[in-house]
């Protein structure tokens, strides 16, 4: 759906509340079609972000995984390498 929303499940260390909220914000921006809502819609926008963040946190707390947790630094290095190949920039 949205390339800016990253996988948050099964990482060591676990996703922080800031990462969960950032993903919720990206989701609400995508669904609403607005990065910055008008003053009239700000309250609804903020409420939606909080609701999505709460649901996401609840989901992450209740998911189980049979695979070992992924290392964040290793995954970031892999992403940088993929981007270097894709965009022709140094890693």
C-alpha atoms as a PDB file:
ATOM      1  CA  UNK A   1       0.000   0.000   0.000  1.00  0.00           C
ATOM      2  CA  UNK A   2       2.373   2.700   1.175  1.00  0.00           C
ATOM      3  CA  UNK A   3       6.109   2.320   0.835  1.00  0.00           C
ATOM      4  CA  UNK A   4       6.751   4.499   3.894  1.00  0.00           C
ATOM      5  CA  UNK A   5       5.013   2.073   6.253  1.00  0.00           C
ATOM      6  CA  UNK A   6       7.572  -0.461   7.428  1.00  0.00           C
ATOM      7  CA  UNK A   7       7.158  -3.877   8.977  1.00  0.00           C
ATOM      8  CA  UNK A   8       7.162  -3.558  12.757  1.00  0.00           C
ATOM      9  CA  UNK A   9       6.620  -7.164  13.861  1.00  0.00           C
ATOM     10  CA  UNK A  10       9.349  -9.589  14.958  1.00  0.00           C
ATOM     11  CA  UNK A  11      12.269  -7.205  15.389  1.00  0.00           C
ATOM     12  CA  UNK A  12      14.804  -7.002  18.156  1.00  0.00           C
ATOM     13  CA  UNK A  13      14.510  -4.579  19.853  1.00  0.00           C
ATOM     14  CA  UNK A  14      10.704  -4.399  19.458  1.00  0.00           C
ATOM     15  CA  UNK A  15       9.025  -1.475  17.727  1.00  0.00           C
ATOM     16  CA  UNK A  16       8.798   1.658  19.833  1.00  0.00           C
ATOM     17  CA  UNK A  17       5.622   3.638  20.393  1.00  0.00           C
ATOM     18  CA  UNK A  18       7.118   6.376  18.178  1.00  0.00           C
ATOM     19  CA  UNK A  19       7.523   3.899  15.298  1.00  0.00           C
ATOM     20  CA  UNK A  20       3.961   2.664  15.775  1.00  0.00           C
ATOM     21  CA  UNK A  21       2.623   6.226  15.778  1.00  0.00           C
ATOM     22  CA  UNK A  22       4.676   7.131  12.681  1.00  0.00           C
ATOM     23  CA  UNK A  23       3.218   4.137  10.828  1.00  0.00           C
ATOM     24  CA  UNK A  24      -0.290   5.128  11.962  1.00  0.00           C
ATOM     25  CA  UNK A  25       0.285   8.691  10.781  1.00  0.00           C
ATOM     26  CA  UNK A  26       1.450   7.472   7.354  1.00  0.00           C
ATOM     27  CA  UNK A  27      -1.582   5.210   7.084  1.00  0.00           C
ATOM     28  CA  UNK A  28      -4.050   7.973   7.971  1.00  0.00           C
ATOM     29  CA  UNK A  29      -2.318  10.380   5.567  1.00  0.00           C
ATOM     30  CA  UNK A  30      -2.586   7.826   2.767  1.00  0.00           C
ATOM     31  CA  UNK A  31      -6.226   6.975   3.436  1.00  0.00           C
ATOM     32  CA  UNK A  32      -7.311  10.587   3.866  1.00  0.00           C
ATOM     33  CA  UNK A  33      -5.290  11.836   0.916  1.00  0.00           C
ATOM     34  CA  UNK A  34      -3.966  14.660   3.038  1.00  0.00           C
ATOM     35  CA  UNK A  35      -0.565  15.136   4.649  1.00  0.00           C
ATOM     36  CA  UNK A  36      -1.751  18.224   6.513  1.00  0.00           C
ATOM     37  CA  UNK A  37      -5.494  18.314   7.253  1.00  0.00           C
ATOM     38  CA  UNK A  38      -7.454  21.546   7.408  1.00  0.00           C
ATOM     39  CA  UNK A  39      -8.302  23.012  10.799  1.00  0.00           C
ATOM     40  CA  UNK A  40     -11.842  21.724  10.386  1.00  0.00           C
ATOM     41  CA  UNK A  41     -10.545  18.160   9.973  1.00  0.00           C
ATOM     42  CA  UNK A  42      -7.602  18.258  12.391  1.00  0.00           C
ATOM     43  CA  UNK A  43      -9.461  16.718  15.340  1.00  0.00           C
ATOM     44  CA  UNK A  44     -10.805  13.830  13.250  1.00  0.00           C
ATOM     45  CA  UNK A  45      -7.355  13.297  11.733  1.00  0.00           C
ATOM     46  CA  UNK A  46      -5.651  13.212  15.155  1.00  0.00           C
ATOM     47  CA  UNK A  47      -8.315  10.892  16.550  1.00  0.00           C
ATOM     48  CA  UNK A  48      -7.830   8.519  13.619  1.00  0.00           C
ATOM     49  CA  UNK A  49      -4.043   8.479  14.104  1.00  0.00           C
ATOM     50  CA  UNK A  50      -4.447   7.608  17.782  1.00  0.00           C
ATOM     51  CA  UNK A  51      -7.017   4.884  17.034  1.00  0.00           C
ATOM     52  CA  UNK A  52      -4.820   3.295  14.366  1.00  0.00           C
ATOM     53  CA  UNK A  53      -1.748   3.512  16.620  1.00  0.00           C
ATOM     54  CA  UNK A  54      -3.677   1.849  19.450  1.00  0.00           C
ATOM     55  CA  UNK A  55      -4.926  -0.952  17.173  1.00  0.00           C
ATOM     56  CA  UNK A  56      -1.424  -1.442  15.759  1.00  0.00           C
ATOM     57  CA  UNK A  57       0.158  -1.636  19.208  1.00  0.00           C
ATOM     58  CA  UNK A  58      -2.500  -4.122  20.299  1.00  0.00           C
ATOM     59  CA  UNK A  59      -1.828  -6.249  17.218  1.00  0.00           C
ATOM     60  CA  UNK A  60       1.940  -6.229  17.741  1.00  0.00           C
ATOM     61  CA  UNK A  61       1.554  -7.217  21.401  1.00  0.00           C
ATOM     62  CA  UNK A  62      -0.604 -10.215  20.505  1.00  0.00           C
ATOM     63  CA  UNK A  63       1.215 -11.585  17.443  1.00  0.00           C
ATOM     64  CA  UNK A  64       3.497 -14.580  17.834  1.00  0.00           C
ATOM     65  CA  UNK A  65       6.349 -15.591  15.576  1.00  0.00           C
ATOM     66  CA  UNK A  66       8.034 -18.920  15.008  1.00  0.00           C
ATOM     67  CA  UNK A  67      11.039 -17.314  13.315  1.00  0.00           C
ATOM     68  CA  UNK A  68      13.783 -15.688  15.364  1.00  0.00           C
ATOM     69  CA  UNK A  69      13.544 -11.881  15.615  1.00  0.00           C
ATOM     70  CA  UNK A  70      15.274  -9.864  12.906  1.00  0.00           C
ATOM     71  CA  UNK A  71      18.099  -7.508  13.784  1.00  0.00           C
ATOM     72  CA  UNK A  72      17.218  -3.906  12.959  1.00  0.00           C
ATOM     73  CA  UNK A  73      20.757  -2.924  11.992  1.00  0.00           C
ATOM     74  CA  UNK A  74      21.130  -5.877   9.612  1.00  0.00           C
ATOM     75  CA  UNK A  75      17.783  -5.041   7.973  1.00  0.00           C
ATOM     76  CA  UNK A  76      18.763  -1.352   7.626  1.00  0.00           C
ATOM     77  CA  UNK A  77      22.051  -2.361   5.982  1.00  0.00           C
ATOM     78  CA  UNK A  78      20.190  -4.618   3.530  1.00  0.00           C
ATOM     79  CA  UNK A  79      17.783  -1.791   2.683  1.00  0.00           C
ATOM     80  CA  UNK A  80      20.681   0.627   2.085  1.00  0.00           C
ATOM     81  CA  UNK A  81      22.345  -1.932  -0.209  1.00  0.00           C
ATOM     82  CA  UNK A  82      19.097  -2.438  -2.168  1.00  0.00           C
ATOM     83  CA  UNK A  83      18.707   1.326  -2.547  1.00  0.00           C
ATOM     84  CA  UNK A  84      22.313   1.694  -3.703  1.00  0.00           C
ATOM     85  CA  UNK A  85      21.680  -0.846  -6.473  1.00  0.00           C
ATOM     86  CA  UNK A  86      18.294   0.591  -7.337  1.00  0.00           C
ATOM     87  CA  UNK A  87      19.328   4.243  -7.470  1.00  0.00           C
ATOM     88  CA  UNK A  88      23.009   3.827  -8.360  1.00  0.00           C
ATOM     89  CA  UNK A  89      24.283   5.562  -5.225  1.00  0.00           C
ATOM     90  CA  UNK A  90      26.989   4.448  -2.794  1.00  0.00           C
ATOM     91  CA  UNK A  91      25.731   2.370   0.138  1.00  0.00           C
END
